[in-house]
Amino acid sequence: MDALQLVNTHIKFLVFDFLTLKPISHESTFFSRKGRHLSRAEIIGIIVSRNFNPNRFIKFDIYDSIGCILCIL
């Protein structure tokens, strides 16, 4: 499948899939897994922990029943 055909396409990834993404060296905002490129993701799960530092960041873990993804805003 051509990479252009996957623009604005929803593909279901599990936590394992996100943790195995590889950065594409010439594009700082793109990642690759099994030949497919990814630039944006929407994560759905339950927030199981958070660390809020006012005026600096919020750090939280999202759990999707398979594993956790650490997120920092």
C-alpha atoms as a PDB file:
ATOM      1  CA  MET A   1       0.000   0.000   0.000  1.00  0.00           C
ATOM      2  CA  ASP A   2       1.319   3.420  -0.945  1.00  0.00           C
ATOM      3  CA  ALA A   3       2.178   5.712   2.010  1.00  0.00           C
ATOM      4  CA  LEU A   4       0.080   8.513   0.484  1.00  0.00           C
ATOM      5  CA  GLN A   5      -3.009   6.331   0.727  1.00  0.00           C
ATOM      6  CA  LEU A   6      -2.633   6.255   4.531  1.00  0.00           C
ATOM      7  CA  VAL A   7      -3.019  10.018   5.026  1.00  0.00           C
ATOM      8  CA  ASN A   8      -5.764  10.693   7.609  1.00  0.00           C
ATOM      9  CA  THR A   9      -6.317   6.953   8.044  1.00  0.00           C
ATOM     10  CA  HIS A  10      -7.077   5.343  11.388  1.00  0.00           C
ATOM     11  CA  ILE A  11      -4.948   2.305  12.201  1.00  0.00           C
ATOM     12  CA  LYS A  12      -5.325   0.522  15.530  1.00  0.00           C
ATOM     13  CA  PHE A  13      -2.032   0.298  17.445  1.00  0.00           C
ATOM     14  CA  LEU A  14      -1.485  -1.224  20.851  1.00  0.00           C
ATOM     15  CA  VAL A  15       0.997   0.088  23.433  1.00  0.00           C
ATOM     16  CA  PHE A  16       3.564  -2.408  22.135  1.00  0.00           C
ATOM     17  CA  ASP A  17       3.250  -0.881  18.662  1.00  0.00           C
ATOM     18  CA  PHE A  18       3.901   2.646  19.980  1.00  0.00           C
ATOM     19  CA  LEU A  19       6.883   1.506  22.012  1.00  0.00           C
ATOM     20  CA  THR A  20       8.499  -0.085  18.929  1.00  0.00           C
ATOM     21  CA  LEU A  21       8.186   2.974  16.641  1.00  0.00           C
ATOM     22  CA  LYS A  22      11.468   4.060  15.055  1.00  0.00           C
ATOM     23  CA  PRO A  23      12.178   7.732  14.230  1.00  0.00           C
ATOM     24  CA  ILE A  24      12.785   8.584  10.585  1.00  0.00           C
ATOM     25  CA  SER A  25      16.146  10.344  10.562  1.00  0.00           C
ATOM     26  CA  HIS A  26      15.408  13.026   7.936  1.00  0.00           C
ATOM     27  CA  GLU A  27      11.943  13.908   9.348  1.00  0.00           C
ATOM     28  CA  SER A  28      11.803  14.915  13.005  1.00  0.00           C
ATOM     29  CA  THR A  29       8.024  14.456  13.328  1.00  0.00           C
ATOM     30  CA  PHE A  30       7.632  11.090  11.560  1.00  0.00           C
ATOM     31  CA  PHE A  31       8.069   7.591  12.904  1.00  0.00           C
ATOM     32  CA  SER A  32       8.003   4.211  11.200  1.00  0.00           C
ATOM     33  CA  ARG A  33       6.854   0.699  12.059  1.00  0.00           C
ATOM     34  CA  LYS A  34       6.799  -2.186   9.582  1.00  0.00           C
ATOM     35  CA  GLY A  35       7.171   0.211   6.655  1.00  0.00           C
ATOM     36  CA  ARG A  36       4.270   2.450   7.664  1.00  0.00           C
ATOM     37  CA  HIS A  37       4.865   6.090   8.571  1.00  0.00           C
ATOM     38  CA  LEU A  38       3.128   7.791  11.480  1.00  0.00           C
ATOM     39  CA  SER A  39       3.091  11.492  12.304  1.00  0.00           C
ATOM     40  CA  ARG A  40       0.133  11.859  14.693  1.00  0.00           C
ATOM     41  CA  ALA A  41      -1.667   9.560  17.087  1.00  0.00           C
ATOM     42  CA  GLU A  42      -4.738   9.576  19.260  1.00  0.00           C
ATOM     43  CA  ILE A  43      -4.366   7.484  22.391  1.00  0.00           C
ATOM     44  CA  ILE A  44      -7.380   6.058  24.210  1.00  0.00           C
ATOM     45  CA  GLY A  45      -7.077   4.550  27.660  1.00  0.00           C
ATOM     46  CA  ILE A  46      -7.278   5.185  31.379  1.00  0.00           C
ATOM     47  CA  ILE A  47      -4.953   7.614  33.162  1.00  0.00           C
ATOM     48  CA  VAL A  48      -3.420   5.568  35.975  1.00  0.00           C
ATOM     49  CA  SER A  49      -0.933   8.077  37.399  1.00  0.00           C
ATOM     50  CA  ARG A  50      -0.061  11.749  37.066  1.00  0.00           C
ATOM     51  CA  ASN A  51       2.620  14.175  38.190  1.00  0.00           C
ATOM     52  CA  PHE A  52       1.715  17.868  37.925  1.00  0.00           C
ATOM     53  CA  ASN A  53       4.412  20.534  38.228  1.00  0.00           C
ATOM     54  CA  PRO A  54       2.734  23.987  37.986  1.00  0.00           C
ATOM     55  CA  ASN A  55       4.067  26.240  35.181  1.00  0.00           C
ATOM     56  CA  ARG A  56       6.356  23.444  33.931  1.00  0.00           C
ATOM     57  CA  PHE A  57       4.711  20.179  32.865  1.00  0.00           C
ATOM     58  CA  ILE A  58       2.170  17.464  33.548  1.00  0.00           C
ATOM     59  CA  LYS A  59       3.332  13.858  33.258  1.00  0.00           C
ATOM     60  CA  PHE A  60       0.870  10.962  33.175  1.00  0.00           C
ATOM     61  CA  ASP A  61       0.593   7.278  32.268  1.00  0.00           C
ATOM     62  CA  ILE A  62      -2.170   6.016  29.986  1.00  0.00           C
ATOM     63  CA  TYR A  63      -3.124   2.340  30.310  1.00  0.00           C
ATOM     64  CA  ASP A  64      -4.929   0.514  27.456  1.00  0.00           C
ATOM     65  CA  SER A  65      -5.343  -2.916  29.182  1.00  0.00           C
ATOM     66  CA  ILE A  66      -2.097  -4.151  27.580  1.00  0.00           C
ATOM     67  CA  GLY A  67       0.509  -1.658  28.798  1.00  0.00           C
ATOM     68  CA  CYS A  68       1.254   1.942  29.742  1.00  0.00           C
ATOM     69  CA  ILE A  69       2.456   4.877  27.687  1.00  0.00           C
ATOM     70  CA  LEU A  70       4.208   7.753  29.476  1.00  0.00           C
ATOM     71  CA  CYS A  71       2.999  11.157  28.236  1.00  0.00           C
ATOM     72  CA  ILE A  72       4.428  14.604  29.014  1.00  0.00           C
ATOM     73  CA  LEU A  73       2.722  17.899  28.213  1.00  0.00           C
END
